[in-house]
């Protein structure tokens, strides 16, 4: 298991920030000092400081079988 701190897309960064903002909202202490009182901004500050990461699961991409015309076979 490897904790990633570099984000491969902005979408993943937003998902991680949203999850961290929910944690902060439910009472978790902030990991960095922030001038903002908004949980989303505090989560973004923590990500920019490198304090928040994520675990990327190694799940293989499963492609459906296709017939000779290239259409997926629905079982």
PDB file of N, CA and C in Angstrom:
ATOM      1  N   UNK A   1       0.850  -1.154   0.000  1.00  0.00           N
ATOM      2  CA  UNK A   1       0.000   0.000   0.000  1.00  0.00           C
ATOM      3  C   UNK A   1       0.907   1.232   0.000  1.00  0.00           C
ATOM      4  N   UNK A   2       0.609   2.174  -0.872  1.00  0.00           N
ATOM      5  CA  UNK A   2       1.434   3.357  -1.036  1.00  0.00           C
ATOM      6  C   UNK A   2       0.538   4.587  -0.952  1.00  0.00           C
ATOM      7  N   UNK A   3       0.918   5.547  -0.120  1.00  0.00           N
ATOM      8  CA  UNK A   3       0.156   6.791   0.012  1.00  0.00           C
ATOM      9  C   UNK A   3       0.653   7.774  -1.035  1.00  0.00           C
ATOM     10  N   UNK A   4      -0.251   8.224  -1.893  1.00  0.00           N
ATOM     11  CA  UNK A   4       0.071   9.183  -2.945  1.00  0.00           C
ATOM     12  C   UNK A   4      -0.129  10.598  -2.420  1.00  0.00           C
ATOM     13  N   UNK A   5       0.800  11.485  -2.717  1.00  0.00           N
ATOM     14  CA  UNK A   5       0.626  12.889  -2.362  1.00  0.00           C
ATOM     15  C   UNK A   5       0.529  13.768  -3.596  1.00  0.00           C
ATOM     16  N   UNK A   6       0.900  13.237  -4.754  1.00  0.00           N
ATOM     17  CA  UNK A   6       0.744  13.949  -6.016  1.00  0.00           C
ATOM     18  C   UNK A   6      -0.556  13.490  -6.654  1.00  0.00           C
ATOM     19  N   UNK A   7      -1.324  14.418  -7.166  1.00  0.00           N
ATOM     20  CA  UNK A   7      -2.626  14.089  -7.736  1.00  0.00           C
ATOM     21  C   UNK A   7      -2.526  13.950  -9.243  1.00  0.00           C
ATOM     22  N   UNK A   8      -3.132  12.886  -9.768  1.00  0.00           N
ATOM     23  CA  UNK A   8      -3.080  12.630 -11.197  1.00  0.00           C
ATOM     24  C   UNK A   8      -4.152  13.395 -11.966  1.00  0.00           C
ATOM     25  N   UNK A   9      -5.121  13.978 -11.273  1.00  0.00           N
ATOM     26  CA  UNK A   9      -6.149  14.780 -11.924  1.00  0.00           C
ATOM     27  C   UNK A   9      -6.753  15.759 -10.925  1.00  0.00           C
ATOM     28  N   UNK A  10      -7.332  16.814 -11.449  1.00  0.00           N
ATOM     29  CA  UNK A  10      -8.010  17.780 -10.587  1.00  0.00           C
ATOM     30  C   UNK A  10      -9.236  17.154  -9.939  1.00  0.00           C
ATOM     31  N   UNK A  11      -9.869  16.232 -10.644  1.00  0.00           N
ATOM     32  CA  UNK A  11     -11.053  15.558 -10.112  1.00  0.00           C
ATOM     33  C   UNK A  11     -10.711  14.809  -8.823  1.00  0.00           C
ATOM     34  N   UNK A  12      -9.613  14.072  -8.834  1.00  0.00           N
ATOM     35  CA  UNK A  12      -9.204  13.330  -7.641  1.00  0.00           C
ATOM     36  C   UNK A  12      -8.863  14.295  -6.502  1.00  0.00           C
ATOM     37  N   UNK A  13      -8.226  15.406  -6.834  1.00  0.00           N
ATOM     38  CA  UNK A  13      -7.875  16.399  -5.821  1.00  0.00           C
ATOM     39  C   UNK A  13      -9.132  16.966  -5.161  1.00  0.00           C
ATOM     40  N   UNK A  14     -10.168  17.231  -5.954  1.00  0.00           N
ATOM     41  CA  UNK A  14     -11.433  17.743  -5.413  1.00  0.00           C
ATOM     42  C   UNK A  14     -12.101  16.692  -4.533  1.00  0.00           C
ATOM     43  N   UNK A  15     -12.067  15.423  -4.953  1.00  0.00           N
ATOM     44  CA  UNK A  15     -12.664  14.362  -4.141  1.00  0.00           C
ATOM     45  C   UNK A  15     -11.965  14.227  -2.790  1.00  0.00           C
ATOM     46  N   UNK A  16     -10.640  14.280  -2.796  1.00  0.00           N
ATOM     47  CA  UNK A  16      -9.880  14.167  -1.547  1.00  0.00           C
ATOM     48  C   UNK A  16     -10.156  15.375  -0.653  1.00  0.00           C
ATOM     49  N   UNK A  17     -10.218  16.564  -1.243  1.00  0.00           N
ATOM     50  CA  UNK A  17     -10.498  17.769  -0.456  1.00  0.00           C
ATOM     51  C   UNK A  17     -11.903  17.719   0.138  1.00  0.00           C
ATOM     52  N   UNK A  18     -12.864  17.223  -0.621  1.00  0.00           N
ATOM     53  CA  UNK A  18     -14.233  17.126  -0.106  1.00  0.00           C
ATOM     54  C   UNK A  18     -14.326  16.144   1.049  1.00  0.00           C
ATOM     55  N   UNK A  19     -13.640  15.018   0.921  1.00  0.00           N
ATOM     56  CA  UNK A  19     -13.657  14.034   2.010  1.00  0.00           C
ATOM     57  C   UNK A  19     -12.983  14.603   3.259  1.00  0.00           C
ATOM     58  N   UNK A  20     -11.878  15.316   3.072  1.00  0.00           N
ATOM     59  CA  UNK A  20     -11.191  15.915   4.214  1.00  0.00           C
ATOM     60  C   UNK A  20     -12.044  17.020   4.844  1.00  0.00           C
ATOM     61  N   UNK A  21     -12.752  17.797   4.029  1.00  0.00           N
ATOM     62  CA  UNK A  21     -13.632  18.847   4.552  1.00  0.00           C
ATOM     63  C   UNK A  21     -14.738  18.240   5.409  1.00  0.00           C
ATOM     64  N   UNK A  22     -15.263  17.093   4.997  1.00  0.00           N
ATOM     65  CA  UNK A  22     -16.283  16.410   5.819  1.00  0.00           C
ATOM     66  C   UNK A  22     -15.688  15.948   7.145  1.00  0.00           C
ATOM     67  N   UNK A  23     -14.447  15.486   7.127  1.00  0.00           N
ATOM     68  CA  UNK A  23     -13.790  15.089   8.373  1.00  0.00           C
ATOM     69  C   UNK A  23     -13.618  16.291   9.297  1.00  0.00           C
ATOM     70  N   UNK A  24     -13.203  17.416   8.739  1.00  0.00           N
ATOM     71  CA  UNK A  24     -13.030  18.628   9.532  1.00  0.00           C
ATOM     72  C   UNK A  24     -14.364  19.100  10.109  1.00  0.00           C
ATOM     73  N   UNK A  25     -15.403  18.993   9.300  1.00  0.00           N
ATOM     74  CA  UNK A  25     -16.732  19.418   9.739  1.00  0.00           C
ATOM     75  C   UNK A  25     -17.236  18.571  10.904  1.00  0.00           C
ATOM     76  N   UNK A  26     -16.830  17.313  10.936  1.00  0.00           N
ATOM     77  CA  UNK A  26     -17.297  16.434  12.010  1.00  0.00           C
ATOM     78  C   UNK A  26     -16.397  16.489  13.252  1.00  0.00           C
ATOM     79  N   UNK A  27     -15.418  17.409  13.267  1.00  0.00           N
ATOM     80  CA  UNK A  27     -14.672  17.637  14.500  1.00  0.00           C
ATOM     81  C   UNK A  27     -13.199  17.331  14.485  1.00  0.00           C
ATOM     82  N   UNK A  28     -12.644  16.852  13.392  1.00  0.00           N
ATOM     83  CA  UNK A  28     -11.215  16.565  13.314  1.00  0.00           C
ATOM     84  C   UNK A  28     -10.417  17.866  13.349  1.00  0.00           C
ATOM     85  N   UNK A  29      -9.281  17.846  14.009  1.00  0.00           N
ATOM     86  CA  UNK A  29      -8.423  19.029  14.089  1.00  0.00           C
ATOM     87  C   UNK A  29      -7.702  19.260  12.764  1.00  0.00           C
ATOM     88  N   UNK A  30      -7.539  20.515  12.394  1.00  0.00           N
ATOM     89  CA  UNK A  30      -6.808  20.872  11.176  1.00  0.00           C
ATOM     90  C   UNK A  30      -5.322  20.574  11.367  1.00  0.00           C
ATOM     91  N   UNK A  31      -4.663  20.171  10.286  1.00  0.00           N
ATOM     92  CA  UNK A  31      -3.250  19.821  10.335  1.00  0.00           C
ATOM     93  C   UNK A  31      -2.331  21.009  10.081  1.00  0.00           C
ATOM     94  N   UNK A  32      -2.878  22.088   9.527  1.00  0.00           N
ATOM     95  CA  UNK A  32      -2.102  23.299   9.265  1.00  0.00           C
ATOM     96  C   UNK A  32      -2.903  24.512   9.735  1.00  0.00           C
ATOM     97  N   UNK A  33      -2.227  25.575  10.135  1.00  0.00           N
ATOM     98  CA  UNK A  33      -2.967  26.797  10.471  1.00  0.00           C
ATOM     99  C   UNK A  33      -3.517  27.431   9.198  1.00  0.00           C
ATOM    100  N   UNK A  34      -4.704  28.005   9.292  1.00  0.00           N
ATOM    101  CA  UNK A  34      -5.336  28.609   8.131  1.00  0.00           C
ATOM    102  C   UNK A  34      -6.006  29.909   8.537  1.00  0.00           C
ATOM    103  N   UNK A  35      -6.053  30.858   7.624  1.00  0.00           N
ATOM    104  CA  UNK A  35      -6.720  32.125   7.895  1.00  0.00           C
ATOM    105  C   UNK A  35      -8.230  31.998   7.710  1.00  0.00           C
ATOM    106  N   UNK A  36      -8.662  30.927   7.082  1.00  0.00           N
ATOM    107  CA  UNK A  36     -10.077  30.734   6.790  1.00  0.00           C
ATOM    108  C   UNK A  36     -10.748  29.900   7.874  1.00  0.00           C
ATOM    109  N   UNK A  37     -12.049  30.086   7.994  1.00  0.00           N
ATOM    110  CA  UNK A  37     -12.841  29.249   8.894  1.00  0.00           C
ATOM    111  C   UNK A  37     -13.678  28.246   8.109  1.00  0.00           C
ATOM    112  N   UNK A  38     -13.593  28.298   6.781  1.00  0.00           N
ATOM    113  CA  UNK A  38     -14.358  27.395   5.931  1.00  0.00           C
ATOM    114  C   UNK A  38     -13.612  26.074   5.783  1.00  0.00           C
ATOM    115  N   UNK A  39     -14.333  24.987   5.954  1.00  0.00           N
ATOM    116  CA  UNK A  39     -13.716  23.667   5.954  1.00  0.00           C
ATOM    117  C   UNK A  39     -13.114  23.307   4.594  1.00  0.00           C
ATOM    118  N   UNK A  40     -13.758  23.717   3.516  1.00  0.00           N
ATOM    119  CA  UNK A  40     -13.220  23.417   2.181  1.00  0.00           C
ATOM    120  C   UNK A  40     -11.879  24.102   1.964  1.00  0.00           C
ATOM    121  N   UNK A  41     -11.770  25.340   2.403  1.00  0.00           N
ATOM    122  CA  UNK A  41     -10.516  26.073   2.237  1.00  0.00           C
ATOM    123  C   UNK A  41      -9.419  25.494   3.116  1.00  0.00           C
ATOM    124  N   UNK A  42      -9.767  25.095   4.329  1.00  0.00           N
ATOM    125  CA  UNK A  42      -8.781  24.479   5.225  1.00  0.00           C
ATOM    126  C   UNK A  42      -8.279  23.172   4.615  1.00  0.00           C
ATOM    127  N   UNK A  43      -9.175  22.377   4.050  1.00  0.00           N
ATOM    128  CA  UNK A  43      -8.785  21.121   3.396  1.00  0.00           C
ATOM    129  C   UNK A  43      -7.849  21.394   2.222  1.00  0.00           C
ATOM    130  N   UNK A  44      -8.131  22.424   1.440  1.00  0.00           N
ATOM    131  CA  UNK A  44      -7.257  22.777   0.323  1.00  0.00           C
ATOM    132  C   UNK A  44      -5.886  23.222   0.828  1.00  0.00           C
ATOM    133  N   UNK A  45      -5.858  23.986   1.924  1.00  0.00           N
ATOM    134  CA  UNK A  45      -4.579  24.404   2.502  1.00  0.00           C
ATOM    135  C   UNK A  45      -3.765  23.203   2.968  1.00  0.00           C
ATOM    136  N   UNK A  46      -4.434  22.220   3.551  1.00  0.00           N
ATOM    137  CA  UNK A  46      -3.739  21.010   3.997  1.00  0.00           C
ATOM    138  C   UNK A  46      -3.165  20.232   2.814  1.00  0.00           C
ATOM    139  N   UNK A  47      -3.915  20.160   1.731  1.00  0.00           N
ATOM    140  CA  UNK A  47      -3.436  19.458   0.534  1.00  0.00           C
ATOM    141  C   UNK A  47      -2.229  20.185  -0.050  1.00  0.00           C
ATOM    142  N   UNK A  48      -2.308  21.512  -0.145  1.00  0.00           N
ATOM    143  CA  UNK A  48      -1.197  22.290  -0.690  1.00  0.00           C
ATOM    144  C   UNK A  48       0.053  22.183   0.176  1.00  0.00           C
ATOM    145  N   UNK A  49      -0.123  21.981   1.483  1.00  0.00           N
ATOM    146  CA  UNK A  49       1.014  21.822   2.387  1.00  0.00           C
ATOM    147  C   UNK A  49       1.583  20.409   2.334  1.00  0.00           C
ATOM    148  N   UNK A  50       0.923  19.497   1.622  1.00  0.00           N
ATOM    149  CA  UNK A  50       1.407  18.126   1.508  1.00  0.00           C
ATOM    150  C   UNK A  50       1.059  17.251   2.699  1.00  0.00           C
ATOM    151  N   UNK A  51       0.100  17.667   3.501  1.00  0.00           N
ATOM    152  CA  UNK A  51      -0.282  16.922   4.697  1.00  0.00           C
ATOM    153  C   UNK A  51      -1.347  15.863   4.422  1.00  0.00           C
ATOM    154  N   UNK A  52      -2.014  15.955   3.286  1.00  0.00           N
ATOM    155  CA  UNK A  52      -3.104  15.033   2.955  1.00  0.00           C
ATOM    156  C   UNK A  52      -2.726  14.259   1.702  1.00  0.00           C
ATOM    157  N   UNK A  53      -2.923  12.966   1.743  1.00  0.00           N
ATOM    158  CA  UNK A  53      -2.674  12.107   0.597  1.00  0.00           C
ATOM    159  C   UNK A  53      -3.825  11.148   0.432  1.00  0.00           C
ATOM    160  N   UNK A  54      -3.658  10.191  -0.448  1.00  0.00           N
ATOM    161  CA  UNK A  54      -4.686   9.187  -0.684  1.00  0.00           C
ATOM    162  C   UNK A  54      -4.022   7.881  -1.069  1.00  0.00           C
ATOM    163  N   UNK A  55      -4.771   6.821  -0.949  1.00  0.00           N
ATOM    164  CA  UNK A  55      -4.276   5.505  -1.326  1.00  0.00           C
ATOM    165  C   UNK A  55      -4.935   5.112  -2.636  1.00  0.00           C
ATOM    166  N   UNK A  56      -4.125   4.842  -3.616  1.00  0.00           N
ATOM    167  CA  UNK A  56      -4.628   4.454  -4.930  1.00  0.00           C
ATOM    168  C   UNK A  56      -4.659   2.937  -4.982  1.00  0.00           C
ATOM    169  N   UNK A  57      -5.863   2.394  -5.091  1.00  0.00           N
ATOM    170  CA  UNK A  57      -6.015   0.944  -5.127  1.00  0.00           C
ATOM    171  C   UNK A  57      -5.630   0.416  -6.499  1.00  0.00           C
ATOM    172  N   UNK A  58      -4.966  -0.710  -6.500  1.00  0.00           N
ATOM    173  CA  UNK A  58      -4.581  -1.343  -7.755  1.00  0.00           C
ATOM    174  C   UNK A  58      -5.701  -2.258  -8.224  1.00  0.00           C
ATOM    175  N   UNK A  59      -6.711  -1.659  -8.820  1.00  0.00           N
ATOM    176  CA  UNK A  59      -7.844  -2.410  -9.333  1.00  0.00           C
ATOM    177  C   UNK A  59      -7.706  -2.460 -10.848  1.00  0.00           C
ATOM    178  N   UNK A  60      -7.588  -3.649 -11.415  1.00  0.00           N
ATOM    179  CA  UNK A  60      -7.431  -3.727 -12.862  1.00  0.00           C
ATOM    180  C   UNK A  60      -8.712  -3.301 -13.586  1.00  0.00           C
ATOM    181  N   UNK A  61      -8.531  -2.684 -14.737  1.00  0.00           N
ATOM    182  CA  UNK A  61      -9.667  -2.280 -15.559  1.00  0.00           C
ATOM    183  C   UNK A  61     -10.178  -3.512 -16.298  1.00  0.00           C
ATOM    184  N   UNK A  62     -11.446  -3.811 -16.113  1.00  0.00           N
ATOM    185  CA  UNK A  62     -12.049  -4.974 -16.760  1.00  0.00           C
ATOM    186  C   UNK A  62     -12.809  -4.520 -17.991  1.00  0.00           C
ATOM    187  N   UNK A  63     -12.376  -4.979 -19.150  1.00  0.00           N
ATOM    188  CA  UNK A  63     -13.056  -4.636 -20.390  1.00  0.00           C
ATOM    189  C   UNK A  63     -14.037  -5.750 -20.730  1.00  0.00           C
ATOM    190  N   UNK A  64     -15.248  -5.390 -21.159  1.00  0.00           N
ATOM    191  CA  UNK A  64     -16.220  -6.428 -21.503  1.00  0.00           C
ATOM    192  C   UNK A  64     -15.809  -7.136 -22.794  1.00  0.00           C
ATOM    193  N   UNK A  65     -16.182  -8.412 -22.920  1.00  0.00           N
ATOM    194  CA  UNK A  65     -15.889  -9.106 -24.179  1.00  0.00           C
ATOM    195  C   UNK A  65     -16.708  -8.484 -25.314  1.00  0.00           C
ATOM    196  N   UNK A  66     -16.126  -8.471 -26.498  1.00  0.00           N
ATOM    197  CA  UNK A  66     -16.801  -7.899 -27.659  1.00  0.00           C
ATOM    198  C   UNK A  66     -16.957  -8.953 -28.749  1.00  0.00           C
ATOM    199  N   UNK A  67     -17.985  -8.792 -29.552  1.00  0.00           N
ATOM    200  CA  UNK A  67     -18.182  -9.713 -30.679  1.00  0.00           C
ATOM    201  C   UNK A  67     -17.387  -9.217 -31.873  1.00  0.00           C
ATOM    202  N   UNK A  68     -17.524  -9.885 -33.017  1.00  0.00           N
ATOM    203  CA  UNK A  68     -16.722  -9.562 -34.201  1.00  0.00           C
ATOM    204  C   UNK A  68     -17.016  -8.164 -34.754  1.00  0.00           C
ATOM    205  N   UNK A  69     -18.190  -7.591 -34.446  1.00  0.00           N
ATOM    206  CA  UNK A  69     -18.505  -6.261 -34.931  1.00  0.00           C
ATOM    207  C   UNK A  69     -18.001  -5.167 -33.984  1.00  0.00           C
ATOM    208  N   UNK A  70     -17.459  -5.568 -32.838  1.00  0.00           N
ATOM    209  CA  UNK A  70     -16.925  -4.607 -31.888  1.00  0.00           C
ATOM    210  C   UNK A  70     -17.898  -4.173 -30.817  1.00  0.00           C
ATOM    211  N   UNK A  71     -19.090  -4.751 -30.797  1.00  0.00           N
ATOM    212  CA  UNK A  71     -20.092  -4.428 -29.793  1.00  0.00           C
ATOM    213  C   UNK A  71     -19.900  -5.301 -28.560  1.00  0.00           C
ATOM    214  N   UNK A  72     -20.118  -4.748 -27.368  1.00  0.00           N
ATOM    215  CA  UNK A  72     -19.958  -5.570 -26.167  1.00  0.00           C
ATOM    216  C   UNK A  72     -21.004  -6.680 -26.083  1.00  0.00           C
ATOM    217  N   UNK A  73     -20.560  -7.822 -25.580  1.00  0.00           N
ATOM    218  CA  UNK A  73     -21.463  -8.948 -25.394  1.00  0.00           C
ATOM    219  C   UNK A  73     -22.108  -8.823 -24.028  1.00  0.00           C
ATOM    220  N   UNK A  74     -23.415  -8.706 -24.009  1.00  0.00           N
ATOM    221  CA  UNK A  74     -24.155  -8.593 -22.735  1.00  0.00           C
ATOM    222  C   UNK A  74     -24.651  -9.960 -22.351  1.00  0.00           C
ATOM    223  N   UNK A  75     -24.247 -10.423 -21.197  1.00  0.00           N
ATOM    224  CA  UNK A  75     -24.653 -11.761 -20.755  1.00  0.00           C
ATOM    225  C   UNK A  75     -25.873 -11.694 -19.886  1.00  0.00           C
TER     226      UNK A  75
END
